[in-house]
Amino acid sequence: MSDQLLPDATRGERVRSAAATVGATLVVGIGATLVVGIGLFVYGVVTKQDILTTGTAVGFGSPGQYGPDRAQSWHGIAANSPTWVAPVSLGLVLLIAWLGSCRFGHGTPGDGFMSLTVRTTHGAPVPRWRNMLRTAMPLALFVAGLALGSVWVGVVLAALPWLTAFVRSDRRTVYDLVSGVRVGTNAPVKGDFEWKVDTSTRPSA
């Protein structure tokens, strides 16, 4: 089959695709956090008190039950465990979340949910490394925000490069431009569009 050239995805499709990808990444990240946490607990690296203290920090349980200072309780596990635990645990969670967000290089969950097709700018199939780069960039910016001390800074940093989708006619984000991909829609489109639909595989009348 020859390369398929599709019309560019609409802004609405891109927004819904991004929302689905963020949601799926959060679910994978939370699941990975639970698995890593259980593993650390099973092997005695962290204690029940560490888990309860950290749970209080994110809003589970009453503040006075495990300690009055929620801000300090975030550092409970890191302070009471070997120095390698915090960075290794965070690295594992981020790695799993990243692989889930790019589906091991097969495109984002949102692409699959919205039936979007990712191609190169010439319409050729996208190598896995391009999809992996495309999802690694926002995650890296989010982690940079965390390093600056705020989840919301990470959210803003990851979202800013996405805003070009609202001003460009092809709805490509900075992530798309850097990774050299273009997102097309499989939905029927009326009228003229930039990309041509490949009809070479249609049966003759």
N, C-alpha and C. Protein backbone atom coordinates (compact mmCIF):
# COMPACT_ATOMS: atom_id res chain seq x y z
N MET A 1 0.85 -1.19 0.00
CA MET A 1 0.00 0.00 0.00
C MET A 1 0.89 1.24 0.00
N SER A 2 0.49 2.24 -0.78
CA SER A 2 1.27 3.47 -0.83
C SER A 2 0.99 4.31 0.41
N ASP A 3 1.85 5.30 0.62
CA ASP A 3 1.67 6.17 1.77
C ASP A 3 0.33 6.87 1.69
N GLN A 4 -0.33 6.98 2.83
CA GLN A 4 -1.64 7.60 2.89
C GLN A 4 -1.54 9.02 3.39
N LEU A 5 -2.10 9.96 2.63
CA LEU A 5 -2.08 11.35 3.02
C LEU A 5 -3.50 11.74 3.43
N LEU A 6 -3.65 12.18 4.64
CA LEU A 6 -4.96 12.46 5.20
C LEU A 6 -5.11 13.94 5.50
N PRO A 7 -6.36 14.43 5.58
CA PRO A 7 -6.57 15.82 5.99
C PRO A 7 -6.13 16.03 7.43
N ASP A 8 -5.67 17.24 7.72
CA ASP A 8 -5.21 17.54 9.08
C ASP A 8 -6.35 17.42 10.07
N ALA A 9 -6.03 16.93 11.26
CA ALA A 9 -7.02 16.83 12.33
C ALA A 9 -7.52 18.22 12.71
N THR A 10 -8.78 18.29 13.11
CA THR A 10 -9.34 19.57 13.52
C THR A 10 -8.83 19.94 14.91
N ARG A 11 -9.05 21.18 15.29
CA ARG A 11 -8.63 21.61 16.63
C ARG A 11 -9.40 20.85 17.70
N GLY A 12 -10.68 20.62 17.45
CA GLY A 12 -11.46 19.87 18.41
C GLY A 12 -10.93 18.45 18.59
N GLU A 13 -10.54 17.82 17.50
CA GLU A 13 -9.97 16.48 17.58
C GLU A 13 -8.65 16.49 18.33
N ARG A 14 -7.85 17.53 18.09
CA ARG A 14 -6.56 17.60 18.78
C ARG A 14 -6.76 17.80 20.28
N VAL A 15 -7.74 18.65 20.65
CA VAL A 15 -7.99 18.89 22.07
C VAL A 15 -8.48 17.63 22.75
N ARG A 16 -9.42 16.92 22.13
CA ARG A 16 -9.94 15.69 22.73
C ARG A 16 -8.87 14.62 22.79
N SER A 17 -8.03 14.57 21.76
CA SER A 17 -6.94 13.61 21.75
C SER A 17 -5.95 13.90 22.88
N ALA A 18 -5.60 15.19 23.06
CA ALA A 18 -4.67 15.56 24.13
C ALA A 18 -5.26 15.26 25.50
N ALA A 19 -6.56 15.53 25.68
CA ALA A 19 -7.21 15.25 26.96
C ALA A 19 -7.20 13.76 27.27
N ALA A 20 -7.47 12.94 26.25
CA ALA A 20 -7.46 11.49 26.44
C ALA A 20 -6.05 11.00 26.78
N THR A 21 -5.05 11.58 26.13
CA THR A 21 -3.67 11.19 26.40
C THR A 21 -3.25 11.57 27.81
N VAL A 22 -3.60 12.78 28.23
CA VAL A 22 -3.27 13.21 29.59
C VAL A 22 -3.96 12.31 30.61
N GLY A 23 -5.24 12.02 30.38
CA GLY A 23 -5.96 11.15 31.30
C GLY A 23 -5.35 9.77 31.39
N ALA A 24 -5.01 9.19 30.23
CA ALA A 24 -4.41 7.86 30.22
C ALA A 24 -3.04 7.87 30.90
N THR A 25 -2.27 8.93 30.67
CA THR A 25 -0.95 9.03 31.29
C THR A 25 -1.06 9.14 32.80
N LEU A 26 -2.05 9.91 33.28
CA LEU A 26 -2.27 10.02 34.72
C LEU A 26 -2.63 8.67 35.33
N VAL A 27 -3.52 7.94 34.65
CA VAL A 27 -3.91 6.63 35.17
C VAL A 27 -2.72 5.69 35.23
N VAL A 28 -1.91 5.69 34.16
CA VAL A 28 -0.72 4.83 34.14
C VAL A 28 0.26 5.27 35.22
N GLY A 29 0.45 6.59 35.36
CA GLY A 29 1.37 7.09 36.37
C GLY A 29 0.95 6.75 37.79
N ILE A 30 -0.35 6.89 38.06
CA ILE A 30 -0.86 6.55 39.39
C ILE A 30 -0.71 5.06 39.65
N GLY A 31 -1.03 4.26 38.62
CA GLY A 31 -0.86 2.81 38.77
C GLY A 31 0.59 2.43 39.02
N ALA A 32 1.50 3.09 38.28
CA ALA A 32 2.92 2.81 38.46
C ALA A 32 3.39 3.22 39.85
N THR A 33 2.86 4.34 40.34
CA THR A 33 3.23 4.80 41.69
C THR A 33 2.80 3.78 42.74
N LEU A 34 1.58 3.26 42.60
CA LEU A 34 1.09 2.26 43.54
C LEU A 34 1.94 1.00 43.50
N VAL A 35 2.27 0.54 42.28
CA VAL A 35 3.08 -0.67 42.15
C VAL A 35 4.46 -0.48 42.76
N VAL A 36 5.10 0.65 42.45
CA VAL A 36 6.42 0.92 43.01
C VAL A 36 6.35 1.05 44.52
N GLY A 37 5.31 1.74 45.01
CA GLY A 37 5.16 1.90 46.46
C GLY A 37 4.95 0.58 47.17
N ILE A 38 4.12 -0.27 46.58
CA ILE A 38 3.90 -1.59 47.18
C ILE A 38 5.19 -2.41 47.19
N GLY A 39 5.95 -2.31 46.09
CA GLY A 39 7.22 -3.03 46.02
C GLY A 39 8.19 -2.56 47.09
N LEU A 40 8.26 -1.24 47.29
CA LEU A 40 9.15 -0.71 48.33
C LEU A 40 8.70 -1.15 49.72
N PHE A 41 7.37 -1.20 49.92
CA PHE A 41 6.85 -1.62 51.22
C PHE A 41 7.11 -3.10 51.47
N VAL A 42 6.89 -3.92 50.43
CA VAL A 42 7.09 -5.37 50.57
C VAL A 42 8.53 -5.69 50.93
N TYR A 43 9.46 -4.97 50.30
CA TYR A 43 10.88 -5.23 50.55
C TYR A 43 11.42 -4.43 51.74
N GLY A 44 10.54 -3.76 52.47
CA GLY A 44 10.95 -3.09 53.70
C GLY A 44 11.70 -1.80 53.51
N VAL A 45 11.68 -1.24 52.30
CA VAL A 45 12.39 0.01 52.07
C VAL A 45 11.65 1.18 52.71
N VAL A 46 10.32 1.14 52.64
CA VAL A 46 9.50 2.16 53.31
C VAL A 46 8.60 1.47 54.32
N THR A 47 8.10 2.24 55.27
CA THR A 47 7.25 1.69 56.32
C THR A 47 5.81 2.15 56.13
N LYS A 48 4.93 1.52 56.90
CA LYS A 48 3.53 1.91 56.87
C LYS A 48 3.36 3.36 57.26
N GLN A 49 4.13 3.81 58.24
CA GLN A 49 4.04 5.20 58.68
C GLN A 49 4.42 6.17 57.56
N ASP A 50 5.45 5.80 56.77
CA ASP A 50 5.84 6.65 55.63
C ASP A 50 4.69 6.79 54.65
N ILE A 51 4.02 5.66 54.35
CA ILE A 51 2.92 5.67 53.39
C ILE A 51 1.76 6.50 53.91
N LEU A 52 1.43 6.34 55.19
CA LEU A 52 0.33 7.10 55.78
C LEU A 52 0.65 8.59 55.81
N THR A 53 1.91 8.93 56.13
CA THR A 53 2.31 10.33 56.18
C THR A 53 2.22 10.97 54.81
N THR A 54 2.70 10.25 53.80
CA THR A 54 2.63 10.79 52.44
C THR A 54 1.18 10.87 51.97
N GLY A 55 0.36 9.90 52.37
CA GLY A 55 -1.06 9.96 52.03
C GLY A 55 -1.74 11.17 52.63
N THR A 56 -1.35 11.53 53.84
CA THR A 56 -1.90 12.73 54.47
C THR A 56 -1.52 13.98 53.68
N ALA A 57 -0.31 13.97 53.09
CA ALA A 57 0.15 15.13 52.34
C ALA A 57 -0.71 15.41 51.12
N VAL A 58 -1.26 14.36 50.52
CA VAL A 58 -2.06 14.56 49.32
C VAL A 58 -3.55 14.59 49.63
N GLY A 59 -3.90 14.63 50.92
CA GLY A 59 -5.29 14.86 51.28
C GLY A 59 -6.03 13.66 51.82
N PHE A 60 -5.39 12.52 52.07
CA PHE A 60 -6.05 11.36 52.61
C PHE A 60 -5.82 11.32 54.13
N GLY A 61 -6.88 11.15 54.88
CA GLY A 61 -6.75 11.13 56.33
C GLY A 61 -6.77 12.54 56.89
N SER A 62 -6.82 12.64 58.20
CA SER A 62 -6.86 13.96 58.82
C SER A 62 -5.45 14.47 59.07
N PRO A 63 -5.21 15.78 58.95
CA PRO A 63 -3.86 16.32 59.12
C PRO A 63 -3.26 16.00 60.47
N GLY A 64 -4.07 15.99 61.52
CA GLY A 64 -3.53 15.77 62.84
C GLY A 64 -3.25 14.33 63.17
N GLN A 65 -3.70 13.40 62.29
CA GLN A 65 -3.57 11.99 62.62
C GLN A 65 -2.14 11.51 62.47
N TYR A 66 -1.46 11.96 61.42
CA TYR A 66 -0.10 11.48 61.18
C TYR A 66 0.92 12.60 61.18
N GLY A 67 0.51 13.76 61.53
CA GLY A 67 1.44 14.89 61.58
C GLY A 67 0.78 16.15 61.10
N PRO A 68 1.00 17.29 61.76
CA PRO A 68 0.30 18.53 61.41
C PRO A 68 0.84 19.23 60.18
N ASP A 69 2.05 18.94 59.80
CA ASP A 69 2.66 19.67 58.70
C ASP A 69 2.62 18.83 57.43
N ARG A 70 1.67 19.13 56.56
CA ARG A 70 1.54 18.34 55.33
C ARG A 70 2.69 18.59 54.37
N ALA A 71 3.17 19.82 54.34
CA ALA A 71 4.25 20.14 53.40
C ALA A 71 5.48 19.31 53.71
N GLN A 72 5.82 19.18 54.99
CA GLN A 72 7.00 18.40 55.35
C GLN A 72 6.77 16.91 55.14
N SER A 73 5.51 16.47 55.24
CA SER A 73 5.25 15.04 55.12
C SER A 73 5.55 14.51 53.72
N TRP A 74 5.57 15.40 52.71
CA TRP A 74 5.95 14.98 51.36
C TRP A 74 7.36 14.39 51.35
N HIS A 75 8.20 14.87 52.23
CA HIS A 75 9.60 14.45 52.24
C HIS A 75 9.85 13.28 53.19
N GLY A 76 8.76 12.72 53.72
CA GLY A 76 8.92 11.65 54.71
C GLY A 76 9.65 10.44 54.18
N ILE A 77 9.21 9.95 53.03
CA ILE A 77 9.84 8.74 52.48
C ILE A 77 11.29 9.02 52.09
N ALA A 78 11.53 10.16 51.45
CA ALA A 78 12.90 10.48 51.02
C ALA A 78 13.83 10.63 52.22
N ALA A 79 13.30 11.19 53.33
CA ALA A 79 14.15 11.43 54.50
C ALA A 79 14.43 10.17 55.29
N ASN A 80 13.48 9.22 55.28
CA ASN A 80 13.60 8.04 56.12
C ASN A 80 14.04 6.79 55.38
N SER A 81 14.43 6.92 54.13
CA SER A 81 14.84 5.77 53.34
C SER A 81 16.20 6.05 52.70
N PRO A 82 16.85 5.02 52.14
CA PRO A 82 18.15 5.25 51.48
C PRO A 82 18.05 6.33 50.40
N THR A 83 19.17 6.98 50.13
CA THR A 83 19.16 8.12 49.21
C THR A 83 18.76 7.74 47.79
N TRP A 84 18.95 6.48 47.41
CA TRP A 84 18.63 6.09 46.04
C TRP A 84 17.13 5.87 45.82
N VAL A 85 16.36 5.75 46.89
CA VAL A 85 14.96 5.35 46.75
C VAL A 85 14.15 6.40 46.00
N ALA A 86 14.24 7.66 46.41
CA ALA A 86 13.42 8.70 45.79
C ALA A 86 13.70 8.88 44.30
N PRO A 87 14.98 9.07 43.87
CA PRO A 87 15.21 9.25 42.43
C PRO A 87 14.91 8.02 41.60
N VAL A 88 15.23 6.83 42.12
CA VAL A 88 14.96 5.61 41.37
C VAL A 88 13.45 5.38 41.23
N SER A 89 12.71 5.61 42.32
CA SER A 89 11.26 5.44 42.29
C SER A 89 10.62 6.41 41.31
N LEU A 90 11.04 7.68 41.38
CA LEU A 90 10.51 8.68 40.47
C LEU A 90 10.86 8.34 39.03
N GLY A 91 12.09 7.88 38.80
CA GLY A 91 12.50 7.51 37.45
C GLY A 91 11.68 6.37 36.89
N LEU A 92 11.39 5.37 37.72
CA LEU A 92 10.57 4.24 37.27
C LEU A 92 9.16 4.68 36.91
N VAL A 93 8.59 5.52 37.77
CA VAL A 93 7.22 5.99 37.51
C VAL A 93 7.18 6.81 36.22
N LEU A 94 8.14 7.70 36.03
CA LEU A 94 8.17 8.52 34.82
C LEU A 94 8.40 7.67 33.57
N LEU A 95 9.27 6.66 33.68
CA LEU A 95 9.53 5.79 32.54
C LEU A 95 8.26 5.05 32.13
N ILE A 96 7.56 4.50 33.11
CA ILE A 96 6.33 3.76 32.81
C ILE A 96 5.26 4.70 32.24
N ALA A 97 5.14 5.89 32.83
CA ALA A 97 4.17 6.86 32.33
C ALA A 97 4.50 7.27 30.90
N TRP A 98 5.78 7.46 30.61
CA TRP A 98 6.20 7.85 29.26
C TRP A 98 5.89 6.75 28.25
N LEU A 99 6.25 5.52 28.57
CA LEU A 99 5.99 4.41 27.65
C LEU A 99 4.48 4.23 27.43
N GLY A 100 3.70 4.50 28.49
CA GLY A 100 2.25 4.42 28.32
C GLY A 100 1.71 5.54 27.46
N SER A 101 2.29 6.74 27.59
CA SER A 101 1.81 7.89 26.83
C SER A 101 2.11 7.79 25.35
N CYS A 102 3.13 7.02 25.00
CA CYS A 102 3.46 6.86 23.57
C CYS A 102 3.13 5.47 23.06
N ARG A 103 2.58 4.62 23.93
CA ARG A 103 2.24 3.23 23.59
C ARG A 103 3.44 2.54 22.93
N PHE A 104 4.57 2.69 23.56
CA PHE A 104 5.81 2.09 23.09
C PHE A 104 6.14 2.51 21.66
N GLY A 105 5.81 3.77 21.32
CA GLY A 105 6.16 4.31 20.02
C GLY A 105 5.10 4.16 18.95
N HIS A 106 3.93 3.66 19.32
CA HIS A 106 2.86 3.46 18.34
C HIS A 106 1.87 4.61 18.28
N GLY A 107 2.17 5.71 18.96
CA GLY A 107 1.26 6.85 18.99
C GLY A 107 0.63 7.01 20.36
N THR A 108 0.06 8.17 20.60
CA THR A 108 -0.52 8.43 21.91
C THR A 108 -1.86 7.72 22.07
N PRO A 109 -2.31 7.49 23.32
CA PRO A 109 -3.65 6.92 23.53
C PRO A 109 -4.73 7.78 22.90
N GLY A 110 -4.53 9.11 22.93
CA GLY A 110 -5.52 10.00 22.31
C GLY A 110 -5.62 9.82 20.81
N ASP A 111 -4.48 9.54 20.15
CA ASP A 111 -4.51 9.27 18.71
C ASP A 111 -5.40 8.06 18.42
N GLY A 112 -5.23 7.01 19.22
CA GLY A 112 -6.03 5.82 19.01
C GLY A 112 -7.49 6.05 19.35
N PHE A 113 -7.75 6.80 20.43
CA PHE A 113 -9.12 7.06 20.86
C PHE A 113 -9.87 7.87 19.82
N MET A 114 -9.20 8.83 19.19
CA MET A 114 -9.85 9.70 18.20
C MET A 114 -9.64 9.21 16.77
N SER A 115 -9.03 8.05 16.61
CA SER A 115 -8.76 7.48 15.27
C SER A 115 -7.96 8.45 14.40
N LEU A 116 -6.96 9.07 15.01
CA LEU A 116 -6.07 9.96 14.28
C LEU A 116 -4.86 9.18 13.79
N THR A 117 -4.33 9.62 12.66
CA THR A 117 -3.18 8.96 12.06
C THR A 117 -1.99 9.90 12.05
N VAL A 118 -0.89 9.47 12.62
CA VAL A 118 0.32 10.29 12.67
C VAL A 118 1.24 9.88 11.53
N ARG A 119 1.62 10.84 10.71
CA ARG A 119 2.51 10.61 9.57
C ARG A 119 3.64 11.62 9.59
N THR A 120 4.65 11.37 8.77
CA THR A 120 5.67 12.38 8.56
C THR A 120 5.07 13.49 7.71
N THR A 121 5.79 14.57 7.53
CA THR A 121 5.29 15.67 6.73
C THR A 121 5.12 15.29 5.27
N HIS A 122 5.72 14.19 4.86
CA HIS A 122 5.58 13.70 3.48
C HIS A 122 4.53 12.61 3.37
N GLY A 123 3.88 12.26 4.48
CA GLY A 123 2.84 11.26 4.45
C GLY A 123 3.30 9.85 4.68
N ALA A 124 4.58 9.67 5.01
CA ALA A 124 5.09 8.32 5.25
C ALA A 124 4.79 7.89 6.69
N PRO A 125 4.76 6.58 6.94
CA PRO A 125 4.57 6.11 8.32
C PRO A 125 5.65 6.66 9.25
N VAL A 126 5.26 6.94 10.47
CA VAL A 126 6.19 7.56 11.43
C VAL A 126 6.98 6.48 12.16
N PRO A 127 8.31 6.60 12.18
CA PRO A 127 9.12 5.67 12.99
C PRO A 127 8.76 5.81 14.46
N ARG A 128 8.97 4.74 15.21
CA ARG A 128 8.61 4.76 16.62
C ARG A 128 9.33 5.85 17.39
N TRP A 129 10.59 6.11 17.04
CA TRP A 129 11.35 7.08 17.81
C TRP A 129 10.75 8.47 17.72
N ARG A 130 10.06 8.79 16.62
CA ARG A 130 9.43 10.10 16.51
C ARG A 130 8.25 10.22 17.48
N ASN A 131 7.45 9.17 17.57
CA ASN A 131 6.34 9.18 18.53
C ASN A 131 6.86 9.24 19.96
N MET A 132 7.94 8.54 20.21
CA MET A 132 8.51 8.55 21.56
C MET A 132 9.08 9.92 21.91
N LEU A 133 9.71 10.58 20.94
CA LEU A 133 10.21 11.94 21.16
C LEU A 133 9.05 12.91 21.38
N ARG A 134 8.00 12.74 20.61
CA ARG A 134 6.83 13.62 20.69
C ARG A 134 6.19 13.61 22.09
N THR A 135 6.20 12.46 22.74
CA THR A 135 5.60 12.38 24.08
C THR A 135 6.62 12.62 25.19
N ALA A 136 7.90 12.47 24.88
CA ALA A 136 8.92 12.70 25.90
C ALA A 136 9.07 14.18 26.22
N MET A 137 8.87 15.04 25.22
CA MET A 137 9.08 16.47 25.43
C MET A 137 8.14 17.08 26.46
N PRO A 138 6.81 16.87 26.36
CA PRO A 138 5.95 17.46 27.40
C PRO A 138 6.20 16.87 28.78
N LEU A 139 6.53 15.59 28.83
CA LEU A 139 6.81 14.98 30.13
C LEU A 139 8.07 15.58 30.74
N ALA A 140 9.08 15.84 29.89
CA ALA A 140 10.32 16.45 30.38
C ALA A 140 10.06 17.86 30.91
N LEU A 141 9.21 18.61 30.21
CA LEU A 141 8.89 19.96 30.68
C LEU A 141 8.11 19.92 31.98
N PHE A 142 7.22 18.94 32.12
CA PHE A 142 6.47 18.79 33.36
C PHE A 142 7.41 18.48 34.52
N VAL A 143 8.37 17.60 34.29
CA VAL A 143 9.34 17.26 35.33
C VAL A 143 10.19 18.48 35.67
N ALA A 144 10.51 19.30 34.67
CA ALA A 144 11.27 20.53 34.94
C ALA A 144 10.48 21.45 35.86
N GLY A 145 9.16 21.52 35.64
CA GLY A 145 8.32 22.31 36.53
C GLY A 145 8.32 21.77 37.94
N LEU A 146 8.27 20.44 38.07
CA LEU A 146 8.35 19.83 39.40
C LEU A 146 9.67 20.17 40.08
N ALA A 147 10.74 20.17 39.29
CA ALA A 147 12.06 20.49 39.85
C ALA A 147 12.10 21.93 40.35
N LEU A 148 11.28 22.79 39.74
CA LEU A 148 11.20 24.18 40.19
C LEU A 148 10.30 24.34 41.41
N GLY A 149 9.68 23.22 41.81
CA GLY A 149 8.93 23.24 43.06
C GLY A 149 7.43 23.37 42.95
N SER A 150 6.87 23.25 41.74
CA SER A 150 5.43 23.43 41.60
C SER A 150 4.87 22.53 40.50
N VAL A 151 3.80 21.81 40.84
CA VAL A 151 3.11 21.00 39.84
C VAL A 151 2.52 21.89 38.75
N TRP A 152 1.97 23.03 39.17
CA TRP A 152 1.31 23.91 38.20
C TRP A 152 2.30 24.56 37.24
N VAL A 153 3.50 24.82 37.69
CA VAL A 153 4.53 25.30 36.77
C VAL A 153 4.81 24.24 35.71
N GLY A 154 4.87 22.98 36.14
CA GLY A 154 5.06 21.89 35.18
C GLY A 154 3.93 21.79 34.18
N VAL A 155 2.69 21.97 34.65
CA VAL A 155 1.53 21.92 33.75
C VAL A 155 1.60 23.04 32.72
N VAL A 156 1.94 24.24 33.17
CA VAL A 156 2.03 25.39 32.26
C VAL A 156 3.15 25.19 31.24
N LEU A 157 4.30 24.74 31.71
CA LEU A 157 5.43 24.51 30.79
C LEU A 157 5.09 23.48 29.74
N ALA A 158 4.38 22.41 30.13
CA ALA A 158 4.02 21.36 29.18
C ALA A 158 2.93 21.82 28.21
N ALA A 159 2.07 22.73 28.66
CA ALA A 159 0.94 23.16 27.84
C ALA A 159 1.30 24.25 26.84
N LEU A 160 2.26 25.11 27.18
CA LEU A 160 2.59 26.24 26.32
C LEU A 160 2.95 25.84 24.88
N PRO A 161 3.82 24.84 24.66
CA PRO A 161 4.15 24.48 23.27
C PRO A 161 2.97 23.92 22.49
N TRP A 162 1.90 23.58 23.20
CA TRP A 162 0.73 23.02 22.53
C TRP A 162 -0.14 24.11 21.92
N LEU A 163 0.05 25.35 22.35
CA LEU A 163 -0.83 26.44 21.93
C LEU A 163 -0.70 26.77 20.44
N THR A 164 0.39 26.39 19.82
CA THR A 164 0.53 26.66 18.38
C THR A 164 -0.53 25.95 17.56
N ALA A 165 -1.13 24.90 18.12
CA ALA A 165 -2.19 24.19 17.39
C ALA A 165 -3.40 25.09 17.15
N PHE A 166 -3.55 26.15 17.96
CA PHE A 166 -4.69 27.05 17.82
C PHE A 166 -4.46 28.16 16.80
N VAL A 167 -3.19 28.36 16.40
CA VAL A 167 -2.90 29.46 15.48
C VAL A 167 -2.39 28.98 14.12
N ARG A 168 -1.92 27.76 14.04
CA ARG A 168 -1.43 27.23 12.77
C ARG A 168 -2.58 26.59 11.99
N SER A 169 -2.55 26.74 10.69
CA SER A 169 -3.62 26.17 9.86
C SER A 169 -3.58 24.65 9.85
N ASP A 170 -2.38 24.07 10.06
CA ASP A 170 -2.29 22.61 10.06
C ASP A 170 -2.46 22.01 11.46
N ARG A 171 -2.72 22.87 12.47
CA ARG A 171 -2.96 22.45 13.85
C ARG A 171 -1.80 21.66 14.45
N ARG A 172 -0.58 21.95 14.04
CA ARG A 172 0.58 21.26 14.58
C ARG A 172 1.09 21.99 15.82
N THR A 173 1.44 21.23 16.83
CA THR A 173 2.03 21.79 18.03
C THR A 173 3.55 21.89 17.86
N VAL A 174 4.19 22.55 18.81
CA VAL A 174 5.65 22.60 18.79
C VAL A 174 6.23 21.19 18.88
N TYR A 175 5.56 20.34 19.64
CA TYR A 175 6.01 18.95 19.75
C TYR A 175 5.96 18.25 18.40
N ASP A 176 4.91 18.52 17.62
CA ASP A 176 4.80 17.94 16.28
C ASP A 176 5.90 18.46 15.37
N LEU A 177 6.14 19.77 15.46
CA LEU A 177 7.15 20.39 14.59
C LEU A 177 8.54 19.85 14.88
N VAL A 178 8.88 19.74 16.16
CA VAL A 178 10.21 19.26 16.53
C VAL A 178 10.39 17.80 16.14
N SER A 179 9.36 16.99 16.34
CA SER A 179 9.47 15.56 16.02
C SER A 179 9.20 15.27 14.56
N GLY A 180 8.81 16.28 13.78
CA GLY A 180 8.64 16.10 12.34
C GLY A 180 7.44 15.26 11.96
N VAL A 181 6.33 15.42 12.68
CA VAL A 181 5.13 14.64 12.37
C VAL A 181 3.96 15.56 12.07
N ARG A 182 2.95 14.96 11.48
CA ARG A 182 1.71 15.67 11.17
C ARG A 182 0.56 14.73 11.52
N VAL A 183 -0.46 15.27 12.16
CA VAL A 183 -1.56 14.45 12.64
C VAL A 183 -2.75 14.62 11.71
N GLY A 184 -3.18 13.51 11.11
CA GLY A 184 -4.30 13.53 10.20
C GLY A 184 -5.52 12.85 10.79
N THR A 185 -6.68 13.19 10.23
CA THR A 185 -7.92 12.61 10.70
C THR A 185 -8.46 11.61 9.68
N ASN A 186 -9.09 10.56 10.18
CA ASN A 186 -9.73 9.58 9.32
C ASN A 186 -11.20 9.88 9.12
N ALA A 187 -11.69 10.96 9.74
CA ALA A 187 -13.09 11.33 9.59
C ALA A 187 -13.32 11.90 8.20
N PRO A 188 -14.51 11.65 7.61
CA PRO A 188 -14.80 12.21 6.29
C PRO A 188 -14.81 13.73 6.32
N VAL A 189 -14.18 14.34 5.34
CA VAL A 189 -14.08 15.79 5.27
C VAL A 189 -14.66 16.26 3.94
N LYS A 190 -15.54 17.25 4.00
CA LYS A 190 -16.14 17.79 2.79
C LYS A 190 -15.29 18.94 2.28
N GLY A 191 -15.24 19.08 0.96
CA GLY A 191 -14.52 20.20 0.36
C GLY A 191 -13.04 19.90 0.19
N ASP A 192 -12.31 20.94 -0.13
CA ASP A 192 -10.87 20.79 -0.37
C ASP A 192 -10.12 20.76 0.94
N PHE A 193 -9.00 20.07 0.97
CA PHE A 193 -8.12 20.05 2.12
C PHE A 193 -6.69 19.87 1.63
N GLU A 194 -5.75 20.10 2.49
CA GLU A 194 -4.35 20.11 2.10
C GLU A 194 -3.85 18.73 1.71
N TRP A 195 -4.25 17.72 2.47
CA TRP A 195 -3.73 16.38 2.22
C TRP A 195 -4.70 15.61 1.35
N LYS A 196 -4.18 14.84 0.43
CA LYS A 196 -5.00 14.03 -0.44
C LYS A 196 -5.22 12.64 0.16
N VAL A 197 -6.39 12.09 -0.08
CA VAL A 197 -6.69 10.76 0.42
C VAL A 197 -6.29 9.72 -0.62
N ASP A 198 -5.57 8.73 -0.19
CA ASP A 198 -5.10 7.69 -1.08
C ASP A 198 -6.26 6.78 -1.47
N THR A 199 -6.55 6.70 -2.78
CA THR A 199 -7.66 5.88 -3.27
C THR A 199 -7.15 4.67 -4.04
N SER A 200 -5.87 4.37 -3.92
CA SER A 200 -5.30 3.28 -4.73
C SER A 200 -5.83 1.92 -4.32
N THR A 201 -6.33 1.81 -3.08
CA THR A 201 -6.80 0.52 -2.61
C THR A 201 -8.30 0.33 -2.75
N ARG A 202 -8.99 1.35 -3.27
CA ARG A 202 -10.42 1.20 -3.44
C ARG A 202 -10.75 0.28 -4.60
N PRO A 203 -11.78 -0.58 -4.45
CA PRO A 203 -12.15 -1.47 -5.57
C PRO A 203 -12.72 -0.66 -6.72
N SER A 204 -12.42 -1.11 -7.88
CA SER A 204 -12.93 -0.41 -9.07
C SER A 204 -14.42 -0.68 -9.23
N ALA A 205 -15.11 0.28 -9.83
CA ALA A 205 -16.57 0.17 -9.99
C ALA A 205 -16.91 -0.88 -11.04
